[in-house]
Each structure stands twice: as structure tokens, then as C-alpha cells.
Protein backbone atom coordinates (compact mmCIF):
# COMPACT_ATOMS: atom_id res chain seq x y z
CA MET A 1 95.89 130.20 281.77
CA VAL A 2 95.23 131.87 278.37
CA LEU A 3 98.00 133.82 277.19
CA PRO A 4 97.37 137.23 275.54
CA LEU A 5 99.59 137.89 272.31
CA PRO A 6 99.92 141.40 271.53
CA LEU A 7 101.19 140.71 267.87
CA ALA A 8 102.78 144.08 267.56
CA GLU A 9 105.13 142.93 270.69
CA LEU A 10 105.74 139.45 268.80
CA GLU A 11 106.87 141.14 265.47
CA ARG A 12 108.88 143.68 267.57
CA LEU A 13 110.48 140.93 269.51
CA ALA A 14 111.06 138.41 267.10
CA PRO A 15 114.23 138.76 264.94
CA GLU A 16 113.54 139.26 261.30
CA ALA A 17 116.03 136.62 260.35
CA PRO A 18 115.85 133.12 261.62
CA GLY A 19 119.80 133.66 262.80
CA ALA A 20 119.72 137.01 264.02
CA ALA A 21 121.16 137.40 267.39
CA LEU A 22 119.03 138.76 270.30
CA SER A 23 119.91 141.29 272.75
CA ALA A 24 120.26 140.41 276.40
CA PRO A 25 116.53 140.89 278.31
CA MET A 26 115.78 144.28 279.72
CA ALA A 27 113.48 144.94 282.57
CA PRO A 28 109.91 144.02 281.21
CA ARG A 29 107.72 146.63 279.50
CA SER A 30 104.72 144.64 278.77
CA GLU A 31 103.14 141.26 280.12
CA MET A 32 104.31 139.40 276.97
CA GLU A 33 107.84 140.52 277.95
CA ALA A 34 107.75 139.44 281.48
CA TRP A 35 106.12 135.89 280.76
CA LEU A 36 109.39 135.85 278.35
CA ALA A 37 111.58 136.80 280.89
CA LEU A 38 110.62 133.92 282.70
CA LEU A 39 112.38 131.58 280.34
CA ASP A 40 115.84 130.81 280.03
CA GLY A 41 118.18 132.76 277.17
CA ARG A 42 118.07 129.65 275.08
CA SER A 43 114.59 128.78 275.26
CA ARG A 44 113.46 132.42 275.05
CA ALA A 45 115.29 132.31 271.77
CA ASP A 46 113.92 129.21 270.37
CA VAL A 47 110.21 130.86 270.87
CA LEU A 48 111.21 133.90 269.37
CA HIS A 49 112.80 132.33 266.10
CA LEU A 50 109.58 129.67 265.81
CA LEU A 51 107.72 132.83 265.15
CA ARG A 52 109.49 133.65 262.09
CA ALA A 53 110.34 130.20 261.17
CA PRO A 54 108.30 128.48 258.21
CA LEU A 55 105.17 126.49 259.39
CA LEU A 56 104.50 124.88 256.02
CA LYS A 57 107.35 125.20 253.61
CA ASP A 58 106.32 123.72 250.91
CA ARG A 59 103.56 125.11 249.10
CA SER A 60 101.82 122.00 247.03
CA LEU A 61 102.42 119.74 249.95
CA ALA A 62 101.38 121.70 252.44
CA GLN A 63 98.00 122.07 250.22
CA GLN A 64 97.55 118.82 249.77
CA MET A 65 97.83 117.65 253.35
CA LEU A 66 94.94 120.31 254.35
CA ARG A 67 92.86 118.91 251.89
CA SER A 68 93.23 115.56 253.33
CA TRP A 69 90.74 114.49 255.93
CA ALA A 70 93.72 113.50 258.58
CA GLY A 71 95.83 116.50 257.83
CA GLN A 72 92.63 118.72 258.89
CA GLN A 73 91.84 116.68 261.73
CA VAL A 74 95.31 117.43 263.10
CA ILE A 75 95.36 121.05 262.14
CA GLU A 76 92.06 121.60 263.64
CA GLN A 77 92.83 120.04 266.90
CA LEU A 78 95.95 122.26 267.27
CA GLY A 79 94.12 125.37 265.93
CA ASP A 80 91.16 124.68 268.87
CA MET A 81 93.84 125.70 271.19
CA ILE A 82 93.94 129.29 269.76
CA GLU A 83 90.73 131.09 270.52
CA VAL A 84 89.30 133.62 267.71
CA ASP A 85 87.07 135.95 269.25
CA ASP A 86 86.61 133.97 272.22
CA ARG A 87 85.76 131.07 270.31
CA PRO A 88 87.95 127.63 269.28
CA GLY A 89 89.68 128.68 266.44
CA GLY A 90 90.18 125.08 264.77
CA ALA A 91 88.07 125.92 261.57
CA ALA A 92 89.61 129.66 261.42
CA VAL A 93 93.17 128.44 261.37
CA VAL A 94 92.55 126.05 258.46
CA GLN A 95 91.03 128.70 256.23
CA THR A 96 93.28 130.97 257.17
CA LEU A 97 96.22 128.58 256.35
CA GLN A 98 94.73 127.65 252.72
CA ASP A 99 94.23 131.52 251.83
CA LEU A 100 97.82 132.28 252.95
CA LEU A 101 99.51 129.45 250.91
CA GLU A 102 97.04 130.69 247.67
CA ARG A 103 99.30 133.79 247.97
CA GLN A 104 102.49 132.75 249.27
CA PRO A 105 105.30 129.73 249.15
CA GLN A 106 105.60 129.94 252.71
CA VAL A 107 103.92 130.77 256.06
CA THR A 108 105.54 131.59 259.27
CA ALA A 109 103.35 131.59 263.00
CA LEU A 110 103.43 135.45 263.03
CA ASP A 111 101.81 135.53 259.19
CA LEU A 112 99.12 133.26 260.73
CA LEU A 113 98.27 135.13 263.63
CA ARG A 114 98.68 138.54 261.69
CA GLU A 115 96.17 136.97 259.21
CA LEU A 116 93.73 135.50 261.24
CA PRO A 117 89.99 137.11 261.43
CA SER A 118 90.30 138.85 264.49
CA ASP A 119 91.57 141.63 266.50
CA ARG A 120 91.91 139.11 269.63
CA VAL A 121 93.58 135.98 269.19
CA ARG A 122 94.53 133.66 272.80
CA ILE A 123 96.71 130.90 272.82
CA ASP A 124 95.12 128.51 275.60
CA VAL A 125 98.16 127.69 277.40
CA ASP A 126 96.55 125.22 280.20
CA ALA A 127 95.23 122.85 276.99
CA ILE A 128 98.92 122.88 275.46
CA LEU A 129 100.38 121.84 278.83
CA SER A 130 97.49 119.43 279.52
CA LEU A 131 98.12 117.93 276.12
CA ALA A 132 101.89 117.70 276.86
CA ARG A 133 101.09 115.56 279.91
CA ARG A 134 99.07 113.31 278.18
CA TRP A 135 101.38 112.53 275.72
CA ARG A 136 104.37 112.47 278.34
CA ARG A 137 101.73 109.81 280.15
CA GLU A 138 101.57 107.75 276.84
CA LEU A 139 105.21 107.71 276.54
CA LYS A 140 105.70 106.79 280.13
CA ARG A 141 103.72 103.86 279.40
CA GLN A 142 105.51 102.68 276.19
CA GLU A 143 108.51 102.76 278.06
CA ALA A 144 107.10 100.74 281.16
CA LEU A 145 105.95 98.17 278.44
CA ILE A 146 109.75 97.30 277.62
CA THR A 147 110.08 96.57 281.56
CA GLN A 148 106.90 94.45 281.83
CA LEU A 149 108.06 92.46 278.95
CA ARG A 150 111.52 91.61 280.47
CA ARG A 151 109.78 90.75 283.65
CA LEU A 152 107.49 88.07 281.84
CA PRO A 153 108.59 84.24 282.88
CA LEU A 154 109.67 83.45 279.16
CA ALA A 155 111.57 80.46 277.94
CA GLY A 156 114.78 81.61 276.78
CA ALA A 157 115.36 79.18 273.80
CA PRO A 158 116.14 80.47 270.15
CA PRO A 159 113.54 79.91 267.49
CA ARG A 160 113.57 76.32 265.84
CA SER A 161 114.25 78.14 262.27
CA ASP A 162 117.13 80.27 263.71
CA ARG A 163 119.39 78.46 261.20
CA PRO A 164 121.14 79.69 257.82
CA GLU A 165 119.43 80.12 254.74
CA PRO A 166 119.28 77.51 252.31
CA THR A 167 121.81 76.99 249.80
CA GLY A 168 122.03 75.79 245.95
CA PRO A 169 120.33 76.70 242.78
CA ALA A 170 117.05 75.34 244.46
CA GLY A 171 116.77 77.09 247.29
CA SER A 172 118.67 79.94 246.73
CA PRO A 173 116.07 83.22 247.33
CA SER A 174 117.91 85.27 244.71
CA ALA A 175 116.44 82.89 242.13
CA GLY A 176 113.98 86.20 241.70
CA PRO A 177 110.18 86.16 241.61
CA ARG A 178 107.79 86.11 238.06
CA ALA A 179 106.45 89.96 237.15
CA VAL A 180 102.73 89.78 236.34
CA GLU A 181 100.05 92.33 234.94
CA LEU A 182 96.41 90.97 235.95
CA ALA A 183 93.54 92.80 234.29
CA VAL A 184 90.95 93.97 236.57
CA SER A 185 87.67 95.67 236.41
CA HIS A 186 88.07 98.07 239.03
CA ARG A 187 91.20 99.80 237.68
CA ARG A 188 92.23 101.28 234.15
CA GLN A 189 95.74 99.63 234.31
CA PRO A 190 96.70 96.14 235.22
CA LEU A 191 97.19 95.08 238.92
CA PRO A 192 101.40 94.70 239.14
CA LEU A 193 101.98 91.16 240.87
CA GLU A 194 104.98 89.02 241.90
CA ILE A 195 105.23 85.62 242.00
CA TRP A 196 107.72 83.49 243.94
CA PRO A 197 107.40 80.04 243.33
CA ALA A 198 108.77 77.66 246.01
CA SER A 199 112.42 77.15 245.18
CA GLY A 200 113.57 74.93 247.68
CA GLY A 201 112.47 73.38 251.21
CA ALA A 202 109.96 70.36 251.96
CA PRO A 203 106.63 71.15 249.92
CA ARG A 204 104.38 73.11 252.08
CA ARG A 205 100.97 73.33 252.57
CA GLN A 206 100.37 76.89 252.72
CA TRP A 207 100.92 79.80 250.06
CA VAL A 208 101.20 83.30 251.15
CA LEU A 209 99.33 86.20 249.73
CA LEU A 210 101.79 89.33 250.81
CA MET A 211 99.99 92.86 250.92
CA PRO A 212 102.82 95.77 251.43
CA GLY A 213 101.34 98.86 253.74
CA LEU A 214 100.82 102.75 252.48
CA GLY A 215 103.81 103.91 250.63
CA SER A 216 105.35 100.48 250.26
CA ARG A 217 106.62 98.43 247.16
CA PRO A 218 107.10 94.67 246.93
CA ASP A 219 111.02 94.91 246.97
CA HIS A 220 110.60 96.12 250.61
CA PHE A 221 109.88 92.85 251.26
CA ARG A 222 111.89 90.40 249.34
CA TRP A 223 113.82 89.59 252.16
CA LEU A 224 110.58 87.79 253.26
CA SER A 225 109.08 86.70 250.15
CA GLY A 226 112.42 85.30 248.85
CA SER A 227 113.15 83.62 252.20
CA LEU A 228 109.66 82.04 252.37
CA ALA A 229 109.86 80.51 249.22
CA SER A 230 113.07 79.17 249.56
CA ARG A 231 111.96 77.28 252.32
CA GLY A 232 109.16 75.75 250.19
CA TRP A 233 106.15 78.42 250.37
CA PRO A 234 104.93 79.97 247.32
CA VAL A 235 104.51 83.31 247.45
CA VAL A 236 102.22 86.05 245.85
CA VAL A 237 102.94 89.86 246.17
CA LEU A 238 100.61 92.50 245.52
CA GLN A 239 101.16 96.04 244.56
CA HIS A 240 98.78 98.62 245.41
CA PRO A 241 98.86 101.72 242.84
CA GLY A 242 97.31 104.69 244.48
CA SER A 243 98.74 103.93 247.69
CA ASP A 244 102.07 102.57 246.92
CA ASP A 245 105.50 104.27 247.02
CA LEU A 246 104.94 106.28 243.79
CA ALA A 247 101.53 107.72 245.51
CA VAL A 248 103.69 109.06 248.49
CA ARG A 249 106.25 110.47 246.24
CA GLN A 250 103.65 112.07 244.53
CA MET A 251 102.48 113.61 247.24
CA LEU A 252 105.51 114.56 248.74
CA LEU A 253 106.28 116.88 245.52
CA GLY A 254 102.83 118.60 246.22
CA GLU A 255 100.93 116.34 243.33
CA ARG A 256 97.97 114.50 245.18
CA PRO A 257 96.49 114.42 248.48
CA PRO A 258 98.22 111.65 250.99
CA PRO A 259 96.58 108.36 250.64
CA GLY A 260 94.41 107.24 253.46
CA ALA A 261 91.63 105.01 254.36
CA GLU A 262 89.83 105.70 251.08
CA VAL A 263 92.20 103.42 249.45
CA LEU A 264 90.89 100.19 251.57
CA PRO A 265 87.56 99.28 249.19
CA THR A 266 90.06 99.20 246.13
CA ARG A 267 92.78 97.41 247.92
CA LEU A 268 90.39 94.88 248.80
CA ALA A 269 88.75 94.59 245.16
CA ASP A 270 92.25 93.86 244.34
CA LEU A 271 92.75 90.90 246.78
CA GLN A 272 89.82 89.56 245.68
CA ALA A 273 90.41 90.05 241.91
CA VAL A 274 93.59 87.91 242.59
CA LEU A 275 91.55 85.22 244.16
CA ALA A 276 88.86 85.45 241.55
CA ALA A 277 91.56 84.96 238.88
CA GLY A 278 92.87 81.87 240.43
CA THR A 279 89.56 80.23 240.92
CA ASP A 280 88.62 81.12 237.23
CA GLY A 281 91.93 79.97 235.60
CA ARG A 282 93.09 83.53 234.54
CA LEU A 283 95.99 83.79 236.85
CA ALA A 284 97.85 80.45 238.00
CA LEU A 285 98.44 80.77 241.80
CA PRO A 286 99.48 77.85 243.79
CA GLU A 287 97.81 75.00 245.59
CA GLY A 288 96.85 74.86 249.06
CA ASP A 289 95.56 76.82 252.04
CA LEU A 290 96.26 80.50 252.27
CA VAL A 291 97.85 82.69 254.24
CA LEU A 292 97.27 86.64 254.20
CA MET A 293 100.45 88.72 255.54
CA GLY A 294 100.77 92.48 255.23
CA HIS A 295 102.38 95.27 256.88
CA SER A 296 100.64 98.32 258.54
CA LEU A 297 97.27 98.90 256.28
CA GLY A 298 98.19 95.91 254.20
CA ALA A 299 97.49 94.16 257.85
CA LEU A 300 94.55 95.65 258.34
CA THR A 301 93.23 94.68 254.48
CA ALA A 302 94.08 91.04 255.62
CA PHE A 303 91.69 91.74 258.82
CA LEU A 304 88.88 92.94 256.81
CA ALA A 305 89.63 90.45 254.00
CA ALA A 306 88.87 87.94 256.65
CA GLY A 307 85.24 89.22 257.74
CA LEU A 308 86.15 91.29 260.46
CA GLU A 309 83.95 94.67 260.53
CA PRO A 310 84.29 97.58 262.78
CA GLU A 311 82.14 97.36 266.09
CA PRO A 312 79.38 99.70 266.57
CA GLY A 313 80.45 103.50 268.31
CA LEU A 314 83.44 104.36 266.16
CA PRO A 315 82.41 107.97 265.69
CA ARG A 316 82.53 108.15 269.41
CA ARG A 317 85.55 106.70 270.16
CA CYS A 318 86.99 108.63 267.68
CA GLU A 319 86.01 111.69 269.11
CA ARG A 320 87.38 110.92 272.45
CA ALA A 321 90.81 109.66 270.43
CA LEU A 322 91.21 112.68 268.47
CA GLU A 323 91.07 115.28 271.22
CA ASP A 324 94.35 114.21 272.49
CA LEU A 325 95.70 114.44 268.79
CA PRO A 326 97.18 111.13 268.92
CA LEU A 327 100.84 111.49 267.74
CA THR A 328 102.01 108.60 270.02
CA ASN A 329 99.40 106.48 267.85
CA LEU A 330 98.96 108.31 264.32
CA SER A 331 97.19 105.13 263.40
CA SER A 332 94.38 106.29 265.11
CA LEU A 333 93.86 108.90 262.57
CA LEU A 334 93.83 106.34 259.45
CA GLN A 335 91.14 104.26 262.02
CA CYS A 336 88.71 107.32 262.27
CA GLU A 337 88.88 108.14 258.65
CA LEU A 338 87.45 104.78 257.99
CA ASP A 339 84.27 106.18 259.20
CA GLN A 340 83.99 108.13 256.61
CA VAL A 341 84.63 105.20 254.05
CA ASP A 342 81.77 102.95 252.89
CA LEU A 343 83.47 99.17 253.05
CA PRO A 344 82.21 96.78 250.58
CA LEU A 345 80.94 93.42 251.83
CA VAL A 346 83.24 90.70 251.50
CA GLN A 347 83.40 87.09 251.53
CA PRO A 348 86.44 85.67 253.52
CA PRO A 349 88.65 83.50 250.87
CA PRO A 350 88.16 79.98 250.94
CA ARG A 351 90.99 77.87 252.66
CA LEU A 352 92.08 80.68 255.01
CA ALA A 353 94.64 79.22 257.24
CA ALA A 354 96.25 82.29 258.98
CA ILE A 355 97.15 86.01 259.10
CA VAL A 356 100.32 87.18 259.56
CA ALA A 357 100.61 91.02 260.55
CA PHE A 358 103.66 93.26 260.89
CA ASN A 359 102.92 96.53 262.83
CA SER A 360 99.18 95.73 262.76
CA PHE A 361 96.76 98.34 264.27
CA GLY A 362 92.79 98.46 265.07
CA SER A 363 92.18 99.42 268.60
CA LEU A 364 89.78 101.59 267.67
CA LEU A 365 87.86 99.36 265.42
CA TRP A 366 87.86 96.29 267.72
CA PRO A 367 88.21 97.51 271.21
CA ARG A 368 86.32 94.89 272.66
CA GLY A 369 86.70 91.59 270.85
CA GLY A 370 90.03 92.37 269.40
CA LEU A 371 90.61 89.75 266.63
CA ALA A 372 88.57 87.22 268.62
CA PRO A 373 86.33 86.80 266.20
CA LEU A 374 88.65 85.46 263.60
CA PRO A 375 88.48 81.50 262.93
CA VAL A 376 92.18 81.40 262.31
CA PRO A 377 95.68 81.57 264.04
CA VAL A 378 97.16 85.32 263.89
CA LEU A 379 100.79 86.46 264.16
CA LEU A 380 101.26 90.11 265.15
CA SER A 381 104.66 91.79 265.47
CA GLY A 382 105.78 95.72 266.24
CA GLY A 383 108.26 97.38 268.01
CA THR A 384 109.06 99.48 271.03
CA LEU A 385 109.95 102.17 269.06
CA ASP A 386 106.98 102.47 267.23
CA LEU A 387 104.45 105.33 267.36
CA ILE A 388 102.52 105.10 264.17
CA THR A 389 101.20 101.38 265.81
CA PRO A 390 102.18 101.10 269.87
CA PRO A 391 102.29 97.72 270.33
CA LEU A 392 100.57 98.57 273.74
CA ARG A 393 97.31 99.98 272.28
CA GLU A 394 97.41 97.96 268.87
CA GLN A 395 98.91 94.63 268.99
CA LEU A 396 98.66 93.61 272.53
CA ALA A 397 95.27 95.18 272.84
CA LEU A 398 94.17 92.94 269.47
CA LEU A 399 95.67 89.92 270.76
CA ALA A 400 94.33 89.99 274.57
CA PRO A 401 90.55 89.10 274.17
CA MET A 402 91.65 86.00 271.74
CA HIS A 403 91.39 82.48 273.44
CA SER A 404 93.39 80.83 270.35
CA ARG A 405 95.93 78.15 271.00
CA ARG A 406 98.04 79.42 268.07
CA SER A 407 97.64 83.13 268.16
CA ARG A 408 101.09 85.40 269.22
CA ALA A 409 102.59 88.64 269.23
CA VAL A 410 106.33 89.51 268.65
CA LEU A 411 107.41 92.53 270.45
CA VAL A 412 111.20 93.47 269.52
CA GLU A 413 112.81 95.77 271.40
CA GLY A 414 113.88 98.70 269.48
CA GLY A 415 112.16 97.88 266.73
CA SER A 416 109.89 100.68 265.06
CA HIS A 417 107.13 100.86 262.17
CA PHE A 418 109.71 101.17 259.68
CA SER A 419 111.91 98.26 260.63
CA VAL A 420 110.56 95.43 258.47
CA ILE A 421 110.39 98.05 255.14
CA ARG A 422 114.20 98.98 254.96
CA VAL A 423 116.19 97.49 252.26
CA GLU A 424 119.92 96.62 252.60
CA GLY A 425 121.86 99.63 251.29
CA ASP A 426 118.84 102.20 251.50
CA GLY A 427 120.93 103.74 254.86
CA ASP A 428 123.11 105.26 251.89
CA GLY A 429 120.69 107.63 250.83
CA ALA A 430 117.84 105.27 248.24
CA ASP A 431 114.91 105.25 250.64
CA LEU A 432 111.97 107.65 249.69
CA PHE A 433 111.61 109.04 252.92
CA GLN A 434 115.43 109.14 254.19
CA LEU A 435 114.50 107.73 257.53
CA GLY A 436 117.44 107.94 260.13
CA GLU A 437 117.88 105.41 263.39
CA GLU A 438 115.40 107.33 265.40
CA LEU A 439 112.41 106.24 262.73
CA VAL A 440 113.61 102.76 261.70
CA GLY A 441 114.91 101.51 264.78
CA VAL A 442 117.63 99.93 265.68
CA ALA A 443 119.29 97.25 263.76
CA PRO A 444 116.40 96.78 261.30
CA LEU A 445 118.34 93.93 259.46
CA ALA A 446 118.66 92.04 262.52
CA VAL A 447 114.79 92.87 263.31
CA GLN A 448 113.60 91.49 259.61
CA ARG A 449 115.93 88.17 260.77
CA ALA A 450 114.30 87.68 263.66
CA LEU A 451 111.00 88.54 262.57
CA LEU A 452 111.69 85.81 259.58
CA SER A 453 112.50 83.17 261.98
CA PHE A 454 109.23 83.37 264.04
CA THR A 455 107.22 83.58 261.04
CA VAL A 456 108.70 80.48 259.71
CA ASP A 457 107.91 78.69 263.01
CA PHE A 458 104.46 79.79 263.02
CA LEU A 459 103.91 78.76 259.56
CA GLU A 460 105.56 75.14 260.05
CA VAL A 461 102.96 74.12 262.80
CA LEU A 462 99.61 75.74 261.54
CA PRO A 463 96.53 73.37 260.93
CA ALA A 464 94.98 72.86 257.95
CA ALA A 465 92.63 75.54 257.27
CA PRO A 466 88.96 75.60 258.53
CA SER A 467 86.35 74.08 255.95
CA PRO A 468 83.58 75.99 254.92
CA GLY A 469 81.51 74.20 256.97
CA GLY A 470 83.18 74.96 260.04
CA GLY A 471 85.61 71.88 260.52
CA ALA A 472 89.01 71.50 259.95
CA SER A 473 89.70 70.15 256.76
CA GLY A 474 92.62 68.01 257.48
CA PRO A 475 94.41 66.82 261.05
CA ALA A 476 95.50 69.47 263.31
CA PRO A 477 98.25 68.71 265.09
CA GLU A 478 97.66 68.42 269.07
CA GLY A 479 99.66 70.38 271.55
CA ARG A 480 101.89 72.60 269.16
CA GLY A 481 102.01 76.06 268.22
CA LEU A 482 104.76 78.85 268.11
CA ARG A 483 105.40 78.86 271.80
CA PRO A 484 105.89 82.08 274.20
CA GLN A 485 109.34 82.71 274.47
CA ARG A 486 112.08 85.29 274.55
CA TYR A 487 114.94 85.54 271.87
CA ARG A 488 118.08 87.54 272.22
CA ASP A 489 121.44 88.20 269.91
CA PRO A 490 124.00 90.44 269.70
CA THR A 491 121.60 93.16 268.44
CA VAL A 492 118.19 92.36 269.20
CA LEU A 493 115.30 91.27 272.20
CA ALA A 494 111.79 89.84 270.97
CA HIS A 495 109.32 88.60 272.99
CA VAL A 496 106.43 86.23 272.13
CA LEU A 497 103.48 86.27 273.82
CA GLY A 498 100.22 84.45 274.04
CA PRO A 499 96.92 85.87 274.59
CA ALA A 500 97.31 84.99 277.99
CA GLU A 501 100.72 86.96 278.50
CA ALA A 502 99.23 90.19 276.31
CA ARG A 503 96.22 90.45 279.03
CA ARG A 504 98.84 90.05 282.13
CA VAL A 505 101.00 93.02 280.36
CA ARG A 506 98.06 95.19 280.13
CA ARG A 507 96.68 94.84 283.23
CA SER A 508 99.97 95.61 285.25
CA LEU A 509 100.16 99.15 283.02
CA ARG A 510 96.63 100.16 283.39
């Protein structure tokens, strides 16, 4: 069904003020009024008020979003559900929005329809309903994931590291990091780092290099870096100017476009510069095997730094993925934008022992092999409320093709994409995005404690890093590893899966 929209009737029917009352429905005098009469009173009021409500409230932010690759993809896909002169109107919608924002601070749906360069505009209701059905089906699959996870025959023992924090001056995670600025050739300003020396626990064979995600800052991860340091693992935390919290703050103020996949070459250069500075003596890095850790975009940076390259055919896969307007998997937009980016050739870090990836993604980049080509164990984690990197399509899809005895995924019920970056006290209004529980998820600090426990368990039984010749640089413990299990405390239920369990869950939800 394609719904005709007589603009004059819409302007007559829609109230001028957002709070204006609607008169009781009268006998329909037109096709439009007949269609509206089929709706209940509240739905009819919502539709008509929506026509006058601002689509874009902040001119500067809206202009920056429209200039971004991801923003244009979303608007064009939505716009193609509007026919302008009997043709898909995506491009016309984008251009009209840009023109309107040059002249006025806000844009309503009626403004947009009035300014489209056509006397005949139609909305493809069938396409909208089809898209809504696909979204609903995807959300139901994510709900069914919880049922399938609970059916897995997993042991219920708690993690071995479910124990109090080390205490005393040497073991206190409050000792804090050392701030360092490293001069790098690819940036005008020095690269900020946090270095957490090991402050307690037994000496460890590995050290950790941690990369925050898009819009994050190092102190979002002090629950992790400080706790690992207190258990004997030195940690170096990178800050990536241009895709950190300052960059997102500038985007929200309309001062710059939103950062996207174009920042990945710079992030990879940051990582390589830090490792090179450690090799040539300009930076005192810890000794031992390297564990790369990252959240979201930081996790993707770790995969690419370890030598993974996108599988052939990304443009075709993205064409299909973007047709569905992936609001239930927003990472698809960033993955597809990667096709527009020239990634540098990278040399995997020497003595790489493992990767720990929080809220990771890459299903469009590696749809067949997943993370199987990686020569090291991987620990993935995700939350069942995550619509940015949904666990079924992202973490489990990447784990399932692997044959590693040690690689695992931790899926936390009620966890979200933002659980790991909630800082204690941010709920009082200090956080950048002012995220509520519906986005941060349930009990984020408890989620962090569970993820810390499993991360420690994973690290404690890591074998030595593979040598450049392909063999291990030291003896690897046989038959050990973080075992698949189920963890429950009063606020958190988490499931630890290996590749076999990931394959089983994915088969049950096809």
C-alpha cells in the first residue's frame, strides 16, 4: 500500500502547537481523514502531533550528522520509503534537510514534506511495515537467545577469582596510574597514555594494552585496569584523541562530524607507535607477553592489529545489511563504512598472547571464518540488551567458527553496550550521554565485577605467546582454561560459552 499525502490536508489536520487539543473525529471528508479515522484516538493524536514536532532539534548537530557517512546511510534508507515523482526519495530527502537547516534552526516533518521538490509525494506504507516486521523478528531472536542460553548444560560453579580485592598499600587498586605523553609522528600533539604498574599479587607473565571504544576515556576502565594491576598485571591504557569522549562532546555541540571508521588507521598507528617506543627505549613498557584488550571500536582495533583483514565481498554484504536499516545492530553502519577506508598493512605485535574484547563486533567483516584465523585465544563479552553489538550476531557469530580450546564468550543477561563504561557515581548526572538504565543495562557495576572475574580467570591460565616461528615460546599448561559455566549472583546472570556452545545456540535460533 502506498499512502497519498495531500499536504494541505495534513497542515489543516495537524495542530499548530504540540500541546493543542484535537477535536473529536467527524465523518471523513477525504481519503486521508478516512485513514486517520481507522486509528484509535491516542494513535491519531500521536500521528498528527508528530507532523509538527521537530525532526531535528539542534541545527549544528543535525548538520554534522548529515555530513557523516553513517548519517547519510540512515536518512537515505528512510527517505527511500518516500516516493518523490514516483522515484525513491532518499537523495532528495537528504538534500532537502540540508537546505532547510541552512535557513532555520529546527525542521518538522511538515517542513520536509512541504520543501521536497515535487508536487506528488507518497509514503510506501508496505515498506515501513515490512521493515517493522524485520525489526520485530530480530528483537524476538534476541529474546529467544536468553532462553537458549539458560537451556545450555553449563556448570554453575562461580569463577575461581570471585574473591575480594587485594588489600594493603602494595595491592590497593587506588594507587593510581602514571600519566605519560608520547610524541608520535602521525599526530601533532603527543599521545596520552596511562601506565598502571603491577601493585600486588604474584608476578605475571603478561602485560595488558587496553584501548577504549568510541567516545570513551581511560577512566571509564579504571575498574578494570586498576584491578588487574592490583593482581599483578601491568596495564597501559591508550587514549585516542579524535575518537574519545572529547570528540563525541564536540559532535554533540555540532562542532565536528561524528567519528566513524575513518579513525581506525590512526588508532592502529597509535598502537604501533606505543609498541615501537617500547622497543627503541623511548617508553618503558612492561616485560612479557602482550594481551590486547579493547571495548567496541577498541576491540575491532585489536582484531585488525592482530592481522585480521576483512573477507572479500564486504560491499555486497553491506548492501543487503543496510537495506534493513540496522537499528537492532548499529555496528553494521561502522563495519560497512570500513569499506570506504584504506586500512594500513600491519605487522602483528610480537609475543601476542591473547585478545580480550568487550562488546566486540565484526560479523560483516568475517562472516565465514569469524576469528578462527587468529593464532591466539580470545575472550569476547556482550550483553543481552546490546543493540549496538548484539551478542547473537556479533560475539557468537565470531566465536562459533573457532576451534581454539581456550577461546570463550561471556554473555551477561541485562548487560548492555554501555555497562562496562559506567563509572560509579555517573548515575548522578556526570556522564557525557546521560544514559538511563534502558541503555546502560541492569546493575552495570555488578556486570563489571562479573566481567573482571572472568577476565582474571582467562588470563591466569593463558599459555605462553606463540613464537614468531609458530611454536610456543614456553610450555603451555595442558587441559586448562576458562571452562564453560554459568555464574549467578543476586543481580547478575552470566553464561560462559566455548565455540561448541556458540554453534549450538546459533543453530537453535536459525
